[in-house]
């Protein structure tokens, strides 16, 4: 068999670009940029309300598998004491996937924490709920002004050995 598609000497051939993948990657980049642009304002608004109510940390547990995933629990703390989340409403900004717009949404503090957690999972580990799934925790450290994700991915492994004697 002969290859009639060799590039001229000294040139490398470029791989074919899949237009669907290129468009998807462009949307993904734009989405991440919008998400990054609203992150600090969302954190400030949320952490301000939490701090005003003496909340020092919030732990969010999530679990997903079999094409389904959910937030399992949200626990607020003041130091080492578990406390209730404030029963106030907060405005957060959320980027749309297929739109250049950023939506303003008003939620309770609990709903905002949940929405932001789902957004962070979509940005960092899209598909966390598929197949064997993943589980973990977000820690919203109000006094530190940080949000940390501890993420555990599940998978099924299989090893096969065949011997003939």
C-alpha atoms as a PDB file:
ATOM      1  CA  UNK A   1       0.000   0.000   0.000  1.00  0.00           C
ATOM      2  CA  UNK A   2       1.265   3.495  -0.699  1.00  0.00           C
ATOM      3  CA  UNK A   3       0.651   6.756   1.099  1.00  0.00           C
ATOM      4  CA  UNK A   4      -0.067   9.518  -1.386  1.00  0.00           C
ATOM      5  CA  UNK A   5      -0.649  12.092   1.336  1.00  0.00           C
ATOM      6  CA  UNK A   6       2.905  12.675   2.484  1.00  0.00           C
ATOM      7  CA  UNK A   7       3.752  16.313   3.067  1.00  0.00           C
ATOM      8  CA  UNK A   8       6.633  17.829   1.141  1.00  0.00           C
ATOM      9  CA  UNK A   9      10.035  17.127   2.613  1.00  0.00           C
ATOM     10  CA  UNK A  10      10.700  19.054   5.837  1.00  0.00           C
ATOM     11  CA  UNK A  11       6.993  19.749   6.604  1.00  0.00           C
ATOM     12  CA  UNK A  12       4.866  18.021   9.193  1.00  0.00           C
ATOM     13  CA  UNK A  13       1.289  17.167   8.375  1.00  0.00           C
ATOM     14  CA  UNK A  14      -1.254  18.679  10.740  1.00  0.00           C
ATOM     15  CA  UNK A  15      -3.905  16.440  12.272  1.00  0.00           C
ATOM     16  CA  UNK A  16      -7.413  16.910  10.950  1.00  0.00           C
ATOM     17  CA  UNK A  17      -9.491  19.206  13.130  1.00  0.00           C
ATOM     18  CA  UNK A  18     -12.910  17.928  14.122  1.00  0.00           C
ATOM     19  CA  UNK A  19     -15.204  20.975  13.753  1.00  0.00           C
ATOM     20  CA  UNK A  20     -17.583  19.669  16.433  1.00  0.00           C
ATOM     21  CA  UNK A  21     -14.759  19.249  18.975  1.00  0.00           C
ATOM     22  CA  UNK A  22     -13.261  22.623  18.087  1.00  0.00           C
ATOM     23  CA  UNK A  23     -16.637  24.322  18.651  1.00  0.00           C
ATOM     24  CA  UNK A  24     -17.140  22.467  21.932  1.00  0.00           C
ATOM     25  CA  UNK A  25     -13.663  23.432  23.169  1.00  0.00           C
ATOM     26  CA  UNK A  26     -14.324  27.063  22.269  1.00  0.00           C
ATOM     27  CA  UNK A  27     -17.609  27.021  24.236  1.00  0.00           C
ATOM     28  CA  UNK A  28     -15.830  25.354  27.159  1.00  0.00           C
ATOM     29  CA  UNK A  29     -13.106  28.026  27.223  1.00  0.00           C
ATOM     30  CA  UNK A  30     -15.667  30.837  27.056  1.00  0.00           C
ATOM     31  CA  UNK A  31     -17.741  29.230  29.833  1.00  0.00           C
ATOM     32  CA  UNK A  32     -14.696  28.866  32.081  1.00  0.00           C
ATOM     33  CA  UNK A  33     -13.741  32.503  31.485  1.00  0.00           C
ATOM     34  CA  UNK A  34     -17.232  33.687  32.453  1.00  0.00           C
ATOM     35  CA  UNK A  35     -17.224  31.403  35.513  1.00  0.00           C
ATOM     36  CA  UNK A  36     -13.831  32.708  36.582  1.00  0.00           C
ATOM     37  CA  UNK A  37     -14.955  36.319  36.110  1.00  0.00           C
ATOM     38  CA  UNK A  38     -17.872  35.978  38.565  1.00  0.00           C
ATOM     39  CA  UNK A  39     -16.166  33.778  41.164  1.00  0.00           C
ATOM     40  CA  UNK A  40     -14.695  36.523  43.359  1.00  0.00           C
ATOM     41  CA  UNK A  41     -17.930  38.532  43.477  1.00  0.00           C
ATOM     42  CA  UNK A  42     -19.921  35.405  44.375  1.00  0.00           C
ATOM     43  CA  UNK A  43     -17.447  34.467  47.109  1.00  0.00           C
ATOM     44  CA  UNK A  44     -17.495  37.995  48.557  1.00  0.00           C
ATOM     45  CA  UNK A  45     -21.281  38.140  48.675  1.00  0.00           C
ATOM     46  CA  UNK A  46     -21.616  34.664  50.193  1.00  0.00           C
ATOM     47  CA  UNK A  47     -18.765  34.965  52.676  1.00  0.00           C
ATOM     48  CA  UNK A  48     -19.989  38.386  53.809  1.00  0.00           C
ATOM     49  CA  UNK A  49     -23.403  37.005  54.823  1.00  0.00           C
ATOM     50  CA  UNK A  50     -21.835  33.947  56.445  1.00  0.00           C
ATOM     51  CA  UNK A  51     -19.330  36.046  58.416  1.00  0.00           C
ATOM     52  CA  UNK A  52     -22.081  38.449  59.538  1.00  0.00           C
ATOM     53  CA  UNK A  53     -23.823  35.431  61.106  1.00  0.00           C
ATOM     54  CA  UNK A  54     -20.696  34.015  62.737  1.00  0.00           C
ATOM     55  CA  UNK A  55     -20.307  31.100  60.311  1.00  0.00           C
ATOM     56  CA  UNK A  56     -16.617  30.238  59.944  1.00  0.00           C
ATOM     57  CA  UNK A  57     -16.864  27.219  57.639  1.00  0.00           C
ATOM     58  CA  UNK A  58     -19.327  25.294  55.498  1.00  0.00           C
ATOM     59  CA  UNK A  59     -18.807  21.654  54.492  1.00  0.00           C
ATOM     60  CA  UNK A  60     -20.682  20.372  51.433  1.00  0.00           C
ATOM     61  CA  UNK A  61     -20.775  16.593  50.833  1.00  0.00           C
ATOM     62  CA  UNK A  62     -21.645  15.301  47.357  1.00  0.00           C
ATOM     63  CA  UNK A  63     -21.999  11.854  45.814  1.00  0.00           C
ATOM     64  CA  UNK A  64     -22.732  10.720  42.306  1.00  0.00           C
ATOM     65  CA  UNK A  65     -22.850   7.516  40.278  1.00  0.00           C
ATOM     66  CA  UNK A  66     -24.964   5.759  37.682  1.00  0.00           C
ATOM     67  CA  UNK A  67     -25.736   8.998  35.817  1.00  0.00           C
ATOM     68  CA  UNK A  68     -27.133  10.671  38.925  1.00  0.00           C
ATOM     69  CA  UNK A  69     -25.533  12.896  41.495  1.00  0.00           C
ATOM     70  CA  UNK A  70     -26.536  15.147  44.331  1.00  0.00           C
ATOM     71  CA  UNK A  71     -25.446  17.228  47.254  1.00  0.00           C
ATOM     72  CA  UNK A  72     -25.816  14.917  50.233  1.00  0.00           C
ATOM     73  CA  UNK A  73     -25.345  17.352  53.102  1.00  0.00           C
ATOM     74  CA  UNK A  74     -24.430  20.955  53.907  1.00  0.00           C
ATOM     75  CA  UNK A  75     -23.046  21.641  57.387  1.00  0.00           C
ATOM     76  CA  UNK A  76     -22.276  25.109  58.722  1.00  0.00           C
ATOM     77  CA  UNK A  77     -19.872  25.668  61.588  1.00  0.00           C
ATOM     78  CA  UNK A  78     -18.952  28.449  63.938  1.00  0.00           C
ATOM     79  CA  UNK A  79     -15.581  27.280  65.171  1.00  0.00           C
ATOM     80  CA  UNK A  80     -16.183  23.663  66.186  1.00  0.00           C
ATOM     81  CA  UNK A  81     -19.918  24.147  66.787  1.00  0.00           C
ATOM     82  CA  UNK A  82     -22.474  23.176  64.147  1.00  0.00           C
ATOM     83  CA  UNK A  83     -24.856  26.066  63.436  1.00  0.00           C
ATOM     84  CA  UNK A  84     -27.743  26.805  61.117  1.00  0.00           C
ATOM     85  CA  UNK A  85     -27.144  28.604  57.848  1.00  0.00           C
ATOM     86  CA  UNK A  86     -28.584  32.127  57.717  1.00  0.00           C
ATOM     87  CA  UNK A  87     -32.117  32.293  56.372  1.00  0.00           C
ATOM     88  CA  UNK A  88     -31.384  35.168  54.026  1.00  0.00           C
ATOM     89  CA  UNK A  89     -31.480  35.600  50.291  1.00  0.00           C
ATOM     90  CA  UNK A  90     -28.377  36.290  48.243  1.00  0.00           C
ATOM     91  CA  UNK A  91     -27.787  37.284  44.642  1.00  0.00           C
ATOM     92  CA  UNK A  92     -25.181  35.267  42.764  1.00  0.00           C
ATOM     93  CA  UNK A  93     -24.022  35.324  39.182  1.00  0.00           C
ATOM     94  CA  UNK A  94     -24.023  32.147  37.090  1.00  0.00           C
ATOM     95  CA  UNK A  95     -22.641  31.759  33.567  1.00  0.00           C
ATOM     96  CA  UNK A  96     -24.729  30.013  30.942  1.00  0.00           C
ATOM     97  CA  UNK A  97     -23.167  27.284  28.846  1.00  0.00           C
ATOM     98  CA  UNK A  98     -24.551  28.266  25.429  1.00  0.00           C
ATOM     99  CA  UNK A  99     -24.836  31.981  26.055  1.00  0.00           C
ATOM    100  CA  UNK A 100     -22.357  34.800  26.542  1.00  0.00           C
ATOM    101  CA  UNK A 101     -24.695  36.140  29.227  1.00  0.00           C
ATOM    102  CA  UNK A 102     -24.186  35.800  32.943  1.00  0.00           C
ATOM    103  CA  UNK A 103     -27.443  35.338  34.847  1.00  0.00           C
ATOM    104  CA  UNK A 104     -28.242  37.031  38.137  1.00  0.00           C
ATOM    105  CA  UNK A 105     -30.070  34.651  40.418  1.00  0.00           C
ATOM    106  CA  UNK A 106     -31.466  35.167  43.890  1.00  0.00           C
ATOM    107  CA  UNK A 107     -31.297  32.198  46.238  1.00  0.00           C
ATOM    108  CA  UNK A 108     -31.343  31.385  49.903  1.00  0.00           C
ATOM    109  CA  UNK A 109     -27.831  30.998  51.303  1.00  0.00           C
ATOM    110  CA  UNK A 110     -28.242  27.175  51.256  1.00  0.00           C
ATOM    111  CA  UNK A 111     -29.417  27.200  47.624  1.00  0.00           C
ATOM    112  CA  UNK A 112     -26.538  29.495  46.627  1.00  0.00           C
ATOM    113  CA  UNK A 113     -23.976  27.182  48.248  1.00  0.00           C
ATOM    114  CA  UNK A 114     -25.517  24.216  46.459  1.00  0.00           C
ATOM    115  CA  UNK A 115     -25.635  26.032  43.083  1.00  0.00           C
ATOM    116  CA  UNK A 116     -22.008  27.147  43.386  1.00  0.00           C
ATOM    117  CA  UNK A 117     -20.927  23.620  44.353  1.00  0.00           C
ATOM    118  CA  UNK A 118     -22.610  22.160  41.267  1.00  0.00           C
ATOM    119  CA  UNK A 119     -20.990  24.881  39.135  1.00  0.00           C
ATOM    120  CA  UNK A 120     -17.537  24.084  40.570  1.00  0.00           C
ATOM    121  CA  UNK A 121     -18.031  20.375  39.859  1.00  0.00           C
ATOM    122  CA  UNK A 122     -19.058  21.143  36.274  1.00  0.00           C
ATOM    123  CA  UNK A 123     -15.978  23.323  35.827  1.00  0.00           C
ATOM    124  CA  UNK A 124     -13.473  20.896  37.308  1.00  0.00           C
ATOM    125  CA  UNK A 125     -14.861  17.381  36.864  1.00  0.00           C
ATOM    126  CA  UNK A 126     -17.631  17.402  34.290  1.00  0.00           C
ATOM    127  CA  UNK A 127     -19.337  14.003  34.369  1.00  0.00           C
ATOM    128  CA  UNK A 128     -18.635  13.404  38.078  1.00  0.00           C
ATOM    129  CA  UNK A 129     -22.013  11.702  38.343  1.00  0.00           C
ATOM    130  CA  UNK A 130     -21.559   9.251  35.464  1.00  0.00           C
ATOM    131  CA  UNK A 131     -20.766   5.541  35.625  1.00  0.00           C
ATOM    132  CA  UNK A 132     -19.010   4.691  38.915  1.00  0.00           C
ATOM    133  CA  UNK A 133     -19.081   8.405  39.711  1.00  0.00           C
ATOM    134  CA  UNK A 134     -17.316  10.422  42.338  1.00  0.00           C
ATOM    135  CA  UNK A 135     -17.791  11.713  45.845  1.00  0.00           C
ATOM    136  CA  UNK A 136     -16.179  14.294  48.051  1.00  0.00           C
ATOM    137  CA  UNK A 137     -16.418  17.519  49.967  1.00  0.00           C
ATOM    138  CA  UNK A 138     -16.212  21.227  49.423  1.00  0.00           C
ATOM    139  CA  UNK A 139     -14.932  23.253  52.340  1.00  0.00           C
ATOM    140  CA  UNK A 140     -15.934  26.904  52.301  1.00  0.00           C
ATOM    141  CA  UNK A 141     -13.448  28.502  54.733  1.00  0.00           C
ATOM    142  CA  UNK A 142     -15.112  31.808  55.498  1.00  0.00           C
ATOM    143  CA  UNK A 143     -12.297  33.176  57.658  1.00  0.00           C
ATOM    144  CA  UNK A 144      -9.699  32.224  55.027  1.00  0.00           C
ATOM    145  CA  UNK A 145     -11.829  33.369  52.092  1.00  0.00           C
ATOM    146  CA  UNK A 146     -11.243  30.098  50.257  1.00  0.00           C
ATOM    147  CA  UNK A 147     -13.145  27.166  48.816  1.00  0.00           C
ATOM    148  CA  UNK A 148     -11.416  23.779  48.635  1.00  0.00           C
ATOM    149  CA  UNK A 149     -12.596  20.680  46.763  1.00  0.00           C
ATOM    150  CA  UNK A 150     -11.595  17.219  47.990  1.00  0.00           C
ATOM    151  CA  UNK A 151     -12.600  14.978  45.056  1.00  0.00           C
ATOM    152  CA  UNK A 152     -12.598  11.174  44.885  1.00  0.00           C
ATOM    153  CA  UNK A 153     -13.265   9.439  41.580  1.00  0.00           C
ATOM    154  CA  UNK A 154     -14.501   5.861  41.452  1.00  0.00           C
ATOM    155  CA  UNK A 155     -13.732   3.419  38.697  1.00  0.00           C
ATOM    156  CA  UNK A 156     -14.066  -0.281  38.050  1.00  0.00           C
ATOM    157  CA  UNK A 157     -10.898  -2.111  37.237  1.00  0.00           C
ATOM    158  CA  UNK A 158     -10.633  -5.536  35.772  1.00  0.00           C
ATOM    159  CA  UNK A 159      -7.581  -7.713  35.384  1.00  0.00           C
ATOM    160  CA  UNK A 160      -7.651 -10.889  33.373  1.00  0.00           C
ATOM    161  CA  UNK A 161      -5.116 -13.676  33.433  1.00  0.00           C
ATOM    162  CA  UNK A 162      -5.167 -16.651  31.137  1.00  0.00           C
ATOM    163  CA  UNK A 163      -2.773 -19.546  31.438  1.00  0.00           C
ATOM    164  CA  UNK A 164      -2.356 -22.616  29.344  1.00  0.00           C
ATOM    165  CA  UNK A 165      -0.144 -25.479  30.482  1.00  0.00           C
END
